[in-house]
Amino acid sequence: MGINYQIANIIAYFLSVLFAYVTNKLWVFNSHTTTWKAFWLEMASFFIFRAASWIFDQGTMTIGISLMHQNPMWTKVLATVIVIVLNYFFSKFIIFRKKEKFKR
């Protein structure tokens, strides 16, 4: 498309996280926000936690490959497995957690 690869990668990452948010919200965790404020807070927290897991992934790759001289493929596999687990826990227990309603 004639776009700098770094800009293209940022756009691709943003779109993939947006797609992940929609699919997780609607089909995985069946989340229903009742106000625009709740919607934007939920989406922002999703993006923030995905950014945190991306930083963890990058850190794992840097430490594993550059500092510990491990096999790049196995380092990426390990990092990916950990990131998948982290993303699930972030989503289930923080971002899309079910709010308990007060019973009277």
N, C-alpha and C. Protein backbone atom coordinates (compact mmCIF):
# COMPACT_ATOMS: atom_id res chain seq x y z
N MET A 1 0.81 -1.20 0.00
CA MET A 1 0.00 0.00 0.00
C MET A 1 0.85 1.26 0.00
N GLY A 2 2.17 1.12 0.04
CA GLY A 2 3.03 2.29 0.00
C GLY A 2 3.16 3.00 1.33
N ILE A 3 2.81 2.33 2.43
CA ILE A 3 2.90 2.94 3.77
C ILE A 3 4.17 2.42 4.44
N ASN A 4 4.81 3.28 5.21
CA ASN A 4 5.96 2.86 6.01
C ASN A 4 5.56 1.65 6.85
N TYR A 5 6.43 0.64 6.93
CA TYR A 5 6.08 -0.59 7.62
C TYR A 5 5.77 -0.38 9.10
N GLN A 6 6.43 0.59 9.73
CA GLN A 6 6.18 0.83 11.15
C GLN A 6 4.78 1.43 11.36
N ILE A 7 4.40 2.34 10.50
CA ILE A 7 3.05 2.91 10.59
C ILE A 7 2.02 1.84 10.27
N ALA A 8 2.30 1.04 9.25
CA ALA A 8 1.39 -0.05 8.89
C ALA A 8 1.24 -1.03 10.05
N ASN A 9 2.32 -1.31 10.76
CA ASN A 9 2.26 -2.22 11.89
C ASN A 9 1.43 -1.64 13.03
N ILE A 10 1.55 -0.35 13.28
CA ILE A 10 0.75 0.30 14.32
C ILE A 10 -0.73 0.23 13.96
N ILE A 11 -1.05 0.53 12.71
CA ILE A 11 -2.45 0.46 12.26
C ILE A 11 -2.98 -0.96 12.38
N ALA A 12 -2.19 -1.93 11.97
CA ALA A 12 -2.60 -3.34 12.05
C ALA A 12 -2.81 -3.76 13.50
N TYR A 13 -1.92 -3.34 14.38
CA TYR A 13 -2.05 -3.69 15.80
C TYR A 13 -3.33 -3.08 16.38
N PHE A 14 -3.57 -1.80 16.08
CA PHE A 14 -4.77 -1.12 16.57
C PHE A 14 -6.02 -1.84 16.09
N LEU A 15 -6.08 -2.16 14.79
CA LEU A 15 -7.25 -2.83 14.24
C LEU A 15 -7.43 -4.23 14.83
N SER A 16 -6.34 -4.93 15.08
CA SER A 16 -6.47 -6.28 15.65
C SER A 16 -6.96 -6.21 17.09
N VAL A 17 -6.52 -5.23 17.86
CA VAL A 17 -7.00 -5.08 19.24
C VAL A 17 -8.47 -4.64 19.23
N LEU A 18 -8.84 -3.77 18.31
CA LEU A 18 -10.23 -3.36 18.20
C LEU A 18 -11.12 -4.56 17.85
N PHE A 19 -10.68 -5.38 16.91
CA PHE A 19 -11.42 -6.60 16.56
C PHE A 19 -11.51 -7.54 17.77
N ALA A 20 -10.41 -7.70 18.49
CA ALA A 20 -10.42 -8.56 19.68
C ALA A 20 -11.39 -8.02 20.73
N TYR A 21 -11.42 -6.69 20.89
CA TYR A 21 -12.35 -6.09 21.86
C TYR A 21 -13.79 -6.43 21.51
N VAL A 22 -14.16 -6.22 20.26
CA VAL A 22 -15.54 -6.46 19.84
C VAL A 22 -15.91 -7.92 20.02
N THR A 23 -15.05 -8.83 19.58
CA THR A 23 -15.37 -10.25 19.69
C THR A 23 -15.42 -10.71 21.15
N ASN A 24 -14.49 -10.21 21.97
CA ASN A 24 -14.51 -10.56 23.38
C ASN A 24 -15.74 -10.00 24.07
N LYS A 25 -16.07 -8.76 23.77
CA LYS A 25 -17.23 -8.10 24.40
C LYS A 25 -18.52 -8.83 24.05
N LEU A 26 -18.72 -9.09 22.77
CA LEU A 26 -20.01 -9.62 22.33
C LEU A 26 -20.15 -11.13 22.50
N TRP A 27 -19.12 -11.89 22.17
CA TRP A 27 -19.29 -13.34 22.11
C TRP A 27 -18.56 -14.11 23.21
N VAL A 28 -17.43 -13.64 23.66
CA VAL A 28 -16.69 -14.40 24.67
C VAL A 28 -17.23 -14.12 26.06
N PHE A 29 -17.33 -12.83 26.43
CA PHE A 29 -17.73 -12.47 27.78
C PHE A 29 -19.14 -11.89 27.86
N ASN A 30 -19.82 -11.77 26.72
CA ASN A 30 -21.21 -11.32 26.67
C ASN A 30 -21.44 -10.07 27.54
N SER A 31 -20.61 -9.07 27.31
CA SER A 31 -20.65 -7.85 28.10
C SER A 31 -21.63 -6.85 27.50
N HIS A 32 -22.44 -6.26 28.36
CA HIS A 32 -23.41 -5.26 27.92
C HIS A 32 -23.25 -4.02 28.79
N THR A 33 -22.76 -2.96 28.20
CA THR A 33 -22.64 -1.70 28.94
C THR A 33 -23.93 -0.91 28.75
N THR A 34 -24.30 -0.16 29.78
CA THR A 34 -25.57 0.55 29.73
C THR A 34 -25.41 2.04 29.45
N THR A 35 -24.18 2.54 29.56
CA THR A 35 -23.95 3.96 29.28
C THR A 35 -22.73 4.10 28.37
N TRP A 36 -22.64 5.25 27.71
CA TRP A 36 -21.47 5.51 26.87
C TRP A 36 -20.21 5.58 27.72
N LYS A 37 -20.32 6.15 28.92
CA LYS A 37 -19.15 6.24 29.80
C LYS A 37 -18.63 4.84 30.13
N ALA A 38 -19.52 3.93 30.47
CA ALA A 38 -19.11 2.56 30.78
C ALA A 38 -18.47 1.88 29.57
N PHE A 39 -19.06 2.13 28.40
CA PHE A 39 -18.51 1.57 27.16
C PHE A 39 -17.08 2.05 26.92
N TRP A 40 -16.86 3.37 27.00
CA TRP A 40 -15.52 3.92 26.75
C TRP A 40 -14.52 3.49 27.81
N LEU A 41 -14.96 3.39 29.06
CA LEU A 41 -14.06 2.91 30.13
C LEU A 41 -13.67 1.45 29.89
N GLU A 42 -14.63 0.64 29.50
CA GLU A 42 -14.35 -0.77 29.22
C GLU A 42 -13.38 -0.90 28.04
N MET A 43 -13.64 -0.15 26.97
CA MET A 43 -12.77 -0.21 25.80
C MET A 43 -11.36 0.29 26.13
N ALA A 44 -11.28 1.38 26.87
CA ALA A 44 -9.97 1.93 27.23
C ALA A 44 -9.19 0.94 28.09
N SER A 45 -9.86 0.31 29.04
CA SER A 45 -9.15 -0.66 29.88
C SER A 45 -8.69 -1.86 29.05
N PHE A 46 -9.49 -2.27 28.07
CA PHE A 46 -9.08 -3.37 27.19
C PHE A 46 -7.81 -3.00 26.45
N PHE A 47 -7.78 -1.80 25.86
CA PHE A 47 -6.60 -1.34 25.13
C PHE A 47 -5.39 -1.20 26.05
N ILE A 48 -5.59 -0.68 27.26
CA ILE A 48 -4.48 -0.51 28.21
C ILE A 48 -3.90 -1.86 28.60
N PHE A 49 -4.75 -2.83 28.91
CA PHE A 49 -4.24 -4.14 29.30
C PHE A 49 -3.60 -4.88 28.12
N ARG A 50 -4.11 -4.67 26.91
CA ARG A 50 -3.46 -5.26 25.73
C ARG A 50 -2.10 -4.61 25.48
N ALA A 51 -2.00 -3.31 25.73
CA ALA A 51 -0.70 -2.64 25.60
C ALA A 51 0.28 -3.19 26.63
N ALA A 52 -0.22 -3.43 27.84
CA ALA A 52 0.64 -4.00 28.89
C ALA A 52 1.13 -5.40 28.50
N SER A 53 0.25 -6.21 27.93
CA SER A 53 0.67 -7.55 27.53
C SER A 53 1.63 -7.49 26.34
N TRP A 54 1.47 -6.48 25.47
CA TRP A 54 2.43 -6.29 24.37
C TRP A 54 3.80 -5.92 24.92
N ILE A 55 3.84 -5.05 25.92
CA ILE A 55 5.11 -4.68 26.55
C ILE A 55 5.75 -5.91 27.20
N PHE A 56 4.94 -6.73 27.86
CA PHE A 56 5.46 -7.97 28.44
C PHE A 56 6.04 -8.87 27.36
N ASP A 57 5.34 -8.99 26.24
CA ASP A 57 5.80 -9.81 25.12
C ASP A 57 7.14 -9.29 24.61
N GLN A 58 7.23 -7.99 24.38
CA GLN A 58 8.48 -7.40 23.90
C GLN A 58 9.61 -7.61 24.91
N GLY A 59 9.31 -7.43 26.17
CA GLY A 59 10.31 -7.62 27.21
C GLY A 59 10.81 -9.06 27.28
N THR A 60 9.87 -9.99 27.18
CA THR A 60 10.23 -11.41 27.19
C THR A 60 11.13 -11.75 26.00
N MET A 61 10.79 -11.22 24.85
CA MET A 61 11.60 -11.46 23.65
C MET A 61 13.00 -10.86 23.81
N THR A 62 13.08 -9.65 24.31
CA THR A 62 14.38 -8.99 24.49
C THR A 62 15.24 -9.74 25.49
N ILE A 63 14.66 -10.08 26.62
CA ILE A 63 15.42 -10.80 27.65
C ILE A 63 15.82 -12.18 27.16
N GLY A 64 14.85 -12.92 26.59
CA GLY A 64 15.12 -14.28 26.15
C GLY A 64 16.11 -14.38 25.02
N ILE A 65 16.00 -13.50 24.04
CA ILE A 65 16.85 -13.61 22.85
C ILE A 65 18.14 -12.81 23.00
N SER A 66 18.02 -11.54 23.34
CA SER A 66 19.21 -10.67 23.37
C SER A 66 20.08 -10.90 24.60
N LEU A 67 19.47 -11.11 25.75
CA LEU A 67 20.26 -11.24 26.97
C LEU A 67 20.60 -12.68 27.33
N MET A 68 19.65 -13.59 27.12
CA MET A 68 19.89 -14.99 27.50
C MET A 68 20.28 -15.86 26.31
N HIS A 69 20.25 -15.31 25.10
CA HIS A 69 20.64 -16.01 23.88
C HIS A 69 19.89 -17.33 23.68
N GLN A 70 18.58 -17.28 23.92
CA GLN A 70 17.73 -18.45 23.73
C GLN A 70 17.26 -18.52 22.28
N ASN A 71 16.70 -19.64 21.92
CA ASN A 71 16.16 -19.84 20.58
C ASN A 71 15.00 -18.87 20.36
N PRO A 72 15.06 -18.05 19.30
CA PRO A 72 14.00 -17.07 19.07
C PRO A 72 12.60 -17.66 18.93
N MET A 73 12.48 -18.79 18.23
CA MET A 73 11.16 -19.37 18.03
C MET A 73 10.57 -19.86 19.35
N TRP A 74 11.36 -20.56 20.15
CA TRP A 74 10.85 -21.07 21.42
C TRP A 74 10.58 -19.94 22.41
N THR A 75 11.39 -18.90 22.33
CA THR A 75 11.14 -17.74 23.18
C THR A 75 9.81 -17.10 22.82
N LYS A 76 9.53 -16.96 21.52
CA LYS A 76 8.26 -16.39 21.07
C LYS A 76 7.09 -17.27 21.45
N VAL A 77 7.25 -18.59 21.33
CA VAL A 77 6.19 -19.52 21.72
C VAL A 77 5.87 -19.35 23.21
N LEU A 78 6.90 -19.33 24.04
CA LEU A 78 6.71 -19.14 25.48
C LEU A 78 6.02 -17.81 25.77
N ALA A 79 6.52 -16.74 25.15
CA ALA A 79 5.94 -15.41 25.37
C ALA A 79 4.48 -15.39 24.94
N THR A 80 4.17 -16.00 23.82
CA THR A 80 2.80 -16.00 23.30
C THR A 80 1.86 -16.76 24.23
N VAL A 81 2.29 -17.90 24.73
CA VAL A 81 1.46 -18.67 25.65
C VAL A 81 1.17 -17.85 26.91
N ILE A 82 2.19 -17.22 27.45
CA ILE A 82 2.01 -16.40 28.65
C ILE A 82 1.09 -15.22 28.37
N VAL A 83 1.26 -14.57 27.23
CA VAL A 83 0.43 -13.42 26.87
C VAL A 83 -1.03 -13.84 26.69
N ILE A 84 -1.28 -14.98 26.09
CA ILE A 84 -2.66 -15.46 25.93
C ILE A 84 -3.30 -15.67 27.29
N VAL A 85 -2.58 -16.29 28.20
CA VAL A 85 -3.11 -16.53 29.55
C VAL A 85 -3.34 -15.19 30.27
N LEU A 86 -2.37 -14.28 30.19
CA LEU A 86 -2.53 -12.96 30.80
C LEU A 86 -3.74 -12.23 30.23
N ASN A 87 -3.89 -12.22 28.91
CA ASN A 87 -5.02 -11.53 28.29
C ASN A 87 -6.36 -12.12 28.74
N TYR A 88 -6.41 -13.44 28.87
CA TYR A 88 -7.65 -14.06 29.33
C TYR A 88 -7.97 -13.62 30.76
N PHE A 89 -6.98 -13.67 31.64
CA PHE A 89 -7.23 -13.28 33.03
C PHE A 89 -7.56 -11.79 33.15
N PHE A 90 -6.86 -10.95 32.40
CA PHE A 90 -7.19 -9.52 32.40
C PHE A 90 -8.64 -9.32 31.98
N SER A 91 -9.04 -9.99 30.91
CA SER A 91 -10.40 -9.83 30.38
C SER A 91 -11.45 -10.39 31.33
N LYS A 92 -11.23 -11.59 31.82
CA LYS A 92 -12.24 -12.25 32.66
C LYS A 92 -12.39 -11.61 34.03
N PHE A 93 -11.29 -11.26 34.66
CA PHE A 93 -11.35 -10.82 36.05
C PHE A 93 -11.24 -9.31 36.25
N ILE A 94 -10.92 -8.57 35.21
CA ILE A 94 -10.81 -7.12 35.37
C ILE A 94 -11.72 -6.39 34.38
N ILE A 95 -11.50 -6.59 33.10
CA ILE A 95 -12.18 -5.79 32.08
C ILE A 95 -13.66 -6.15 31.96
N PHE A 96 -13.98 -7.42 31.80
CA PHE A 96 -15.36 -7.85 31.57
C PHE A 96 -15.96 -8.57 32.77
N ARG A 97 -15.43 -8.33 33.96
CA ARG A 97 -15.94 -9.03 35.13
C ARG A 97 -17.42 -8.68 35.33
N LYS A 98 -18.14 -9.64 35.83
CA LYS A 98 -19.57 -9.43 36.09
C LYS A 98 -19.71 -8.64 37.37
N LYS A 99 -20.42 -7.54 37.28
CA LYS A 99 -20.68 -6.74 38.47
C LYS A 99 -21.82 -7.38 39.23
N GLU A 100 -21.59 -7.64 40.49
CA GLU A 100 -22.66 -8.25 41.30
C GLU A 100 -23.67 -7.18 41.68
N LYS A 101 -24.91 -7.52 41.52
CA LYS A 101 -25.98 -6.59 41.87
C LYS A 101 -26.33 -6.78 43.34
N PHE A 102 -26.61 -5.68 43.98
CA PHE A 102 -26.98 -5.74 45.38
C PHE A 102 -28.38 -6.32 45.51
N LYS A 103 -28.51 -7.28 46.42
CA LYS A 103 -29.82 -7.89 46.65
C LYS A 103 -30.41 -7.29 47.92
N ARG A 104 -31.67 -6.98 47.86
CA ARG A 104 -32.36 -6.42 49.04
C ARG A 104 -33.41 -7.35 49.51
